[in-house]
């Protein structure tokens, strides 16, 4: 069972998941996250699948979270002007309520991206990261969350949160 963004193979009880979005260097967006979640559900519930191998299509393992696709709704939303009577918090609450009511993408997928490394870490079956290129930000968190990591000569690792003055979500 393969999707648009995740290629899936079953080799003698080993589930091989390949993140496949070369134009973003396998950045994890909401669509890819949905496919990864489905595959992990299948892996966890199957008695025939014993080991997980996670890799990315060349040239990258995973370039992190695809925040551009997660933020599309914010970029296209209306800009609300502040009046003297309104507080910024009122405006934010209104915008949040509007987005929650009209957003077709479930909020739990965004949280799924954030907690994906923890889900990998908590698997009750062995997981292996086959890092074949750049593992940046969330990609590095995914690799570190697997039980075993193999890195090709082309692999490189970078934790972007520190460079941006942020605390990692994973």
Protein backbone atom coordinates (compact mmCIF):
# COMPACT_ATOMS: atom_id res chain seq x y z
CA UNK A 1 0.00 0.00 0.00
CA UNK A 2 1.72 3.17 -1.20
CA UNK A 3 0.45 6.71 -1.19
CA UNK A 4 1.44 9.87 -2.98
CA UNK A 5 4.05 10.93 -0.43
CA UNK A 6 4.97 7.64 1.25
CA UNK A 7 6.09 4.57 -0.65
CA UNK A 8 5.53 1.34 1.25
CA UNK A 9 7.12 -2.08 0.76
CA UNK A 10 6.82 -5.27 2.78
CA UNK A 11 9.94 -7.45 2.58
CA UNK A 12 9.61 -10.62 4.69
CA UNK A 13 8.06 -8.89 7.69
CA UNK A 14 10.06 -5.68 7.31
CA UNK A 15 7.97 -2.61 6.48
CA UNK A 16 10.04 -0.16 4.42
CA UNK A 17 8.58 3.34 4.34
CA UNK A 18 10.14 5.83 1.93
CA UNK A 19 9.23 9.48 2.35
CA UNK A 20 8.78 10.64 -1.24
CA UNK A 21 8.43 14.34 -1.99
CA UNK A 22 11.65 15.20 -3.85
CA UNK A 23 10.60 18.77 -4.71
CA UNK A 24 10.61 19.62 -0.97
CA UNK A 25 13.47 17.22 -0.16
CA UNK A 26 10.95 15.07 1.72
CA UNK A 27 9.72 17.81 4.05
CA UNK A 28 6.81 16.46 6.08
CA UNK A 29 3.58 18.30 5.34
CA UNK A 30 0.05 17.43 6.36
CA UNK A 31 -0.55 15.06 3.45
CA UNK A 32 2.67 13.11 4.06
CA UNK A 33 1.93 13.04 7.79
CA UNK A 34 -1.49 11.53 7.14
CA UNK A 35 0.07 8.78 5.04
CA UNK A 36 2.81 8.13 7.62
CA UNK A 37 0.21 7.89 10.40
CA UNK A 38 -1.82 5.36 8.37
CA UNK A 39 1.27 3.26 7.73
CA UNK A 40 2.32 3.34 11.39
CA UNK A 41 -1.19 2.30 12.42
CA UNK A 42 -0.96 -0.63 10.01
CA UNK A 43 2.53 -1.52 11.27
CA UNK A 44 1.52 -1.46 14.93
CA UNK A 45 -1.61 -3.55 14.40
CA UNK A 46 -0.01 -6.19 12.17
CA UNK A 47 1.47 -9.35 13.67
CA UNK A 48 3.22 -10.10 10.37
CA UNK A 49 5.17 -6.82 10.25
CA UNK A 50 8.02 -7.06 12.75
CA UNK A 51 10.45 -4.25 11.88
CA UNK A 52 10.16 -0.74 10.45
CA UNK A 53 12.74 0.85 8.14
CA UNK A 54 12.22 4.54 7.45
CA UNK A 55 14.11 6.29 4.65
CA UNK A 56 13.72 9.10 2.14
CA UNK A 57 13.89 9.28 -1.63
CA UNK A 58 17.13 10.83 -2.90
CA UNK A 59 18.70 13.29 -2.36
CA UNK A 60 17.41 13.75 1.22
CA UNK A 61 16.20 11.72 4.17
CA UNK A 62 13.92 14.50 5.45
CA UNK A 63 14.41 18.26 5.32
CA UNK A 64 12.11 18.88 8.28
CA UNK A 65 8.53 20.03 8.59
CA UNK A 66 6.92 21.60 5.53
CA UNK A 67 5.71 24.69 7.35
CA UNK A 68 4.83 26.38 4.07
CA UNK A 69 1.92 24.01 3.46
CA UNK A 70 0.89 24.11 7.11
CA UNK A 71 0.77 27.89 7.01
CA UNK A 72 -1.13 28.35 3.72
CA UNK A 73 -4.38 29.15 5.49
CA UNK A 74 -2.74 31.89 7.53
CA UNK A 75 -1.26 33.52 4.42
CA UNK A 76 -4.62 33.59 2.65
CA UNK A 77 -6.66 34.77 5.62
CA UNK A 78 -8.07 38.25 5.92
CA UNK A 79 -6.07 40.88 7.76
CA UNK A 80 -8.18 42.41 10.49
CA UNK A 81 -7.52 45.99 11.53
CA UNK A 82 -7.40 46.76 15.23
CA UNK A 83 -9.84 49.33 16.52
CA UNK A 84 -9.26 51.29 19.69
CA UNK A 85 -11.82 49.16 21.54
CA UNK A 86 -10.45 45.76 20.54
CA UNK A 87 -7.52 44.03 22.12
CA UNK A 88 -5.06 41.98 20.07
CA UNK A 89 -6.19 38.92 22.03
CA UNK A 90 -9.79 39.39 20.88
CA UNK A 91 -8.61 39.54 17.27
CA UNK A 92 -6.48 36.41 17.72
CA UNK A 93 -9.38 34.53 19.32
CA UNK A 94 -11.71 35.51 16.48
CA UNK A 95 -9.15 34.46 13.87
CA UNK A 96 -8.55 31.15 15.67
CA UNK A 97 -12.29 30.41 15.89
CA UNK A 98 -12.76 31.27 12.23
CA UNK A 99 -9.85 29.09 11.15
CA UNK A 100 -10.98 26.18 13.33
CA UNK A 101 -14.51 26.36 11.94
CA UNK A 102 -13.51 26.63 8.27
CA UNK A 103 -10.29 24.66 8.11
CA UNK A 104 -10.72 21.40 6.19
CA UNK A 105 -7.41 20.03 7.47
CA UNK A 106 -7.70 18.49 10.91
CA UNK A 107 -5.67 20.08 13.68
CA UNK A 108 -4.60 16.63 14.88
CA UNK A 109 -2.50 16.17 11.73
CA UNK A 110 -0.48 19.25 12.64
CA UNK A 111 -0.03 17.83 16.13
CA UNK A 112 0.84 14.50 14.49
CA UNK A 113 3.77 16.17 12.73
CA UNK A 114 4.91 17.61 16.01
CA UNK A 115 4.66 14.34 17.93
CA UNK A 116 5.78 11.98 15.17
CA UNK A 117 9.28 11.47 16.66
CA UNK A 118 7.72 10.55 20.00
CA UNK A 119 5.41 8.08 18.30
CA UNK A 120 8.40 6.44 16.61
CA UNK A 121 10.28 6.33 19.90
CA UNK A 122 7.34 4.62 21.63
CA UNK A 123 6.90 1.85 19.03
CA UNK A 124 6.89 -1.62 20.56
CA UNK A 125 8.71 -3.02 17.53
CA UNK A 126 12.21 -2.17 16.27
CA UNK A 127 12.60 0.88 14.05
CA UNK A 128 15.54 1.70 11.79
CA UNK A 129 16.38 5.01 10.13
CA UNK A 130 18.25 4.58 6.85
CA UNK A 131 19.57 8.12 6.46
CA UNK A 132 20.59 8.58 2.84
CA UNK A 133 20.97 12.37 2.74
CA UNK A 134 20.13 15.46 4.76
CA UNK A 135 18.26 14.98 8.04
CA UNK A 136 17.39 18.51 9.12
CA UNK A 137 15.22 19.71 12.00
CA UNK A 138 12.27 17.32 12.27
CA UNK A 139 14.18 14.93 9.99
CA UNK A 140 16.98 14.69 12.53
CA UNK A 141 14.44 14.20 15.31
CA UNK A 142 12.89 11.33 13.34
CA UNK A 143 16.28 9.69 12.81
CA UNK A 144 17.18 10.04 16.49
CA UNK A 145 13.82 8.58 17.53
CA UNK A 146 14.46 5.31 15.72
CA UNK A 147 16.12 2.47 17.63
CA UNK A 148 18.91 2.08 15.06
CA UNK A 149 20.34 4.59 12.59
CA UNK A 150 22.39 3.87 9.48
CA UNK A 151 23.90 6.81 7.62
CA UNK A 152 25.27 6.82 4.08
CA UNK A 153 28.35 8.82 3.13
CA UNK A 154 25.97 11.50 1.83
CA UNK A 155 24.14 11.87 5.15
CA UNK A 156 24.35 15.04 7.19
CA UNK A 157 22.50 16.08 10.31
CA UNK A 158 21.44 19.53 11.43
CA UNK A 159 19.24 20.77 14.27
CA UNK A 160 17.79 24.01 12.92
CA UNK A 161 15.84 24.99 16.03
CA UNK A 162 18.97 26.09 17.88
CA UNK A 163 20.07 28.28 14.97
CA UNK A 164 16.67 30.00 15.02
CA UNK A 165 16.60 30.44 18.80
CA UNK A 166 13.69 28.00 19.17
CA UNK A 167 13.00 25.01 21.37
CA UNK A 168 12.50 21.79 19.37
CA UNK A 169 8.95 20.46 19.27
CA UNK A 170 10.22 16.91 19.52
